[in-house]
Amino acid sequence: MTTSSLLRHGVNHMGGLLDGLVRLLAAREFASVAEVRGRMSQKNLADLTALERANYIQVRFRSVADVAPRRFNVRSGHWSAALAINR
C-alpha cells in the first residue's frame, strides 16, 4: 500500500505518511514502531481463538464484498454494493 501511495502521489507524499504514523503512535501511546512490532503475533496473544475468529470474520466479509453485485447510484454518481451486510 505504501508503494502504491508513493507511486500515485510522488515521493513528497512520504512526509505526510510519516506525520500520520507519528500521530497514530502518539495517540496510542507508543514510543516507537519497534514497540508496536510483533504485538499481534500469535505467541504474544493470550486467547488465540479470538484471533482466529477475527481473521475468519475479516476473510468472510471481504470475500462477500468482492463478489457482491454492485449497482450505480445515479444521484451520487457512485457504485455501491447491492448486498447490504449487517454488522
C-alpha atoms as a PDB file:
ATOM      1  CA  MET A   1       0.000   0.000   0.000  1.00  0.00           C
ATOM      2  CA  THR A   2       2.835   2.384   0.772  1.00  0.00           C
ATOM      3  CA  THR A   3       4.470   1.775  -2.588  1.00  0.00           C
ATOM      4  CA  SER A   4       1.196   2.363  -4.431  1.00  0.00           C
ATOM      5  CA  SER A   5       0.636   5.567  -2.489  1.00  0.00           C
ATOM      6  CA  LEU A   6       4.109   6.859  -3.302  1.00  0.00           C
ATOM      7  CA  LEU A   7       3.766   5.947  -6.967  1.00  0.00           C
ATOM      8  CA  ARG A   8       0.408   7.693  -7.141  1.00  0.00           C
ATOM      9  CA  HIS A   9       1.277  10.825  -5.130  1.00  0.00           C
ATOM     10  CA  GLY A  10       5.042  11.123  -5.568  1.00  0.00           C
ATOM     11  CA  VAL A  11       7.965  10.863  -3.168  1.00  0.00           C
ATOM     12  CA  ASN A  12       6.997  14.076  -1.369  1.00  0.00           C
ATOM     13  CA  HIS A  13       3.958  12.201  -0.034  1.00  0.00           C
ATOM     14  CA  MET A  14       6.319  10.309   2.296  1.00  0.00           C
ATOM     15  CA  GLY A  15       6.325  13.277   4.702  1.00  0.00           C
ATOM     16  CA  GLY A  16       2.550  13.029   5.080  1.00  0.00           C
ATOM     17  CA  LEU A  17       2.756   9.291   5.661  1.00  0.00           C
ATOM     18  CA  LEU A  18       5.426   9.774   8.298  1.00  0.00           C
ATOM     19  CA  ASP A  19       3.421  12.512  10.045  1.00  0.00           C
ATOM     20  CA  GLY A  20       0.378  10.244  10.093  1.00  0.00           C
ATOM     21  CA  LEU A  21       2.403   7.405  11.606  1.00  0.00           C
ATOM     22  CA  VAL A  22       3.822   9.697  14.298  1.00  0.00           C
ATOM     23  CA  ARG A  23       0.307  10.938  15.203  1.00  0.00           C
ATOM     24  CA  LEU A  24      -1.035   7.372  15.316  1.00  0.00           C
ATOM     25  CA  LEU A  25       1.773   6.188  17.592  1.00  0.00           C
ATOM     26  CA  ALA A  26       1.283   9.183  19.896  1.00  0.00           C
ATOM     27  CA  ALA A  27      -2.489   8.642  20.059  1.00  0.00           C
ATOM     28  CA  ARG A  28      -1.934   5.015  21.032  1.00  0.00           C
ATOM     29  CA  GLU A  29       0.838   5.985  23.455  1.00  0.00           C
ATOM     30  CA  PHE A  30       3.621   4.058  21.714  1.00  0.00           C
ATOM     31  CA  ALA A  31       7.147   5.445  21.862  1.00  0.00           C
ATOM     32  CA  SER A  32       8.318   3.862  18.588  1.00  0.00           C
ATOM     33  CA  VAL A  33       7.464   1.490  15.760  1.00  0.00           C
ATOM     34  CA  ALA A  34       9.666  -1.120  17.447  1.00  0.00           C
ATOM     35  CA  GLU A  35       7.263  -1.111  20.397  1.00  0.00           C
ATOM     36  CA  VAL A  36       4.367  -1.993  18.080  1.00  0.00           C
ATOM     37  CA  ARG A  37       6.186  -4.658  16.081  1.00  0.00           C
ATOM     38  CA  GLY A  38       5.073  -8.165  16.953  1.00  0.00           C
ATOM     39  CA  ARG A  39       2.257  -7.165  19.331  1.00  0.00           C
ATOM     40  CA  MET A  40      -0.292  -9.157  17.356  1.00  0.00           C
ATOM     41  CA  SER A  41       1.996 -12.136  16.971  1.00  0.00           C
ATOM     42  CA  GLN A  42       0.314 -15.415  17.896  1.00  0.00           C
ATOM     43  CA  LYS A  43       2.924 -16.093  20.558  1.00  0.00           C
ATOM     44  CA  ASN A  44       2.038 -12.803  22.328  1.00  0.00           C
ATOM     45  CA  LEU A  45      -1.724 -13.414  22.494  1.00  0.00           C
ATOM     46  CA  ALA A  46      -3.396 -14.991  25.493  1.00  0.00           C
ATOM     47  CA  ASP A  47      -6.511 -16.040  23.545  1.00  0.00           C
ATOM     48  CA  LEU A  48      -5.580 -17.467  20.148  1.00  0.00           C
ATOM     49  CA  THR A  49      -9.195 -18.387  19.377  1.00  0.00           C
ATOM     50  CA  ALA A  50     -10.142 -14.673  19.367  1.00  0.00           C
ATOM     51  CA  LEU A  51      -7.510 -14.014  16.677  1.00  0.00           C
ATOM     52  CA  GLU A  52      -8.705 -16.976  14.629  1.00  0.00           C
ATOM     53  CA  ARG A  53     -12.321 -15.789  14.862  1.00  0.00           C
ATOM     54  CA  ALA A  54     -11.395 -12.199  13.906  1.00  0.00           C
ATOM     55  CA  ASN A  55      -9.419 -13.448  10.903  1.00  0.00           C
ATOM     56  CA  TYR A  56     -12.307 -15.683   9.843  1.00  0.00           C
ATOM     57  CA  ILE A  57     -14.795 -12.803  10.027  1.00  0.00           C
ATOM     58  CA  GLN A  58     -12.465 -10.483   8.118  1.00  0.00           C
ATOM     59  CA  VAL A  59     -11.931 -13.004   5.326  1.00  0.00           C
ATOM     60  CA  ARG A  60     -15.626 -13.885   5.217  1.00  0.00           C
ATOM     61  CA  PHE A  61     -16.822 -10.282   4.848  1.00  0.00           C
ATOM     62  CA  ARG A  62     -14.060  -9.435   2.410  1.00  0.00           C
ATOM     63  CA  SER A  63     -14.962 -12.336   0.129  1.00  0.00           C
ATOM     64  CA  VAL A  64     -18.659 -11.410   0.250  1.00  0.00           C
ATOM     65  CA  ALA A  65     -17.868  -7.804  -0.649  1.00  0.00           C
ATOM     66  CA  ASP A  66     -15.591  -8.870  -3.509  1.00  0.00           C
ATOM     67  CA  VAL A  67     -18.248 -10.994  -5.227  1.00  0.00           C
ATOM     68  CA  ALA A  68     -21.329  -8.962  -4.309  1.00  0.00           C
ATOM     69  CA  PRO A  69     -23.182  -7.421  -7.227  1.00  0.00           C
ATOM     70  CA  ARG A  70     -22.801  -3.668  -7.489  1.00  0.00           C
ATOM     71  CA  ARG A  71     -25.226  -1.025  -8.647  1.00  0.00           C
ATOM     72  CA  PHE A  72     -24.753   2.521  -9.879  1.00  0.00           C
ATOM     73  CA  ASN A  73     -26.419   5.295  -7.878  1.00  0.00           C
ATOM     74  CA  VAL A  74     -27.496   7.949 -10.360  1.00  0.00           C
ATOM     75  CA  ARG A  75     -27.881  10.692  -7.729  1.00  0.00           C
ATOM     76  CA  SER A  76     -24.442  10.291  -6.158  1.00  0.00           C
ATOM     77  CA  GLY A  77     -22.661   9.090  -9.288  1.00  0.00           C
ATOM     78  CA  HIS A  78     -21.026   6.240  -7.335  1.00  0.00           C
ATOM     79  CA  TRP A  79     -21.131   2.473  -7.431  1.00  0.00           C
ATOM     80  CA  SER A  80     -22.287   0.708  -4.265  1.00  0.00           C
ATOM     81  CA  ALA A  81     -22.741  -2.856  -3.141  1.00  0.00           C
ATOM     82  CA  ALA A  82     -26.207  -4.147  -3.941  1.00  0.00           C
ATOM     83  CA  LEU A  83     -25.901  -6.502  -0.976  1.00  0.00           C
ATOM     84  CA  ALA A  84     -26.227  -4.974   2.476  1.00  0.00           C
ATOM     85  CA  ILE A  85     -24.103  -6.580   5.182  1.00  0.00           C
ATOM     86  CA  ASN A  86     -25.432  -6.327   8.721  1.00  0.00           C
ATOM     87  CA  ARG A  87     -22.622  -5.559  11.120  1.00  0.00           C
END
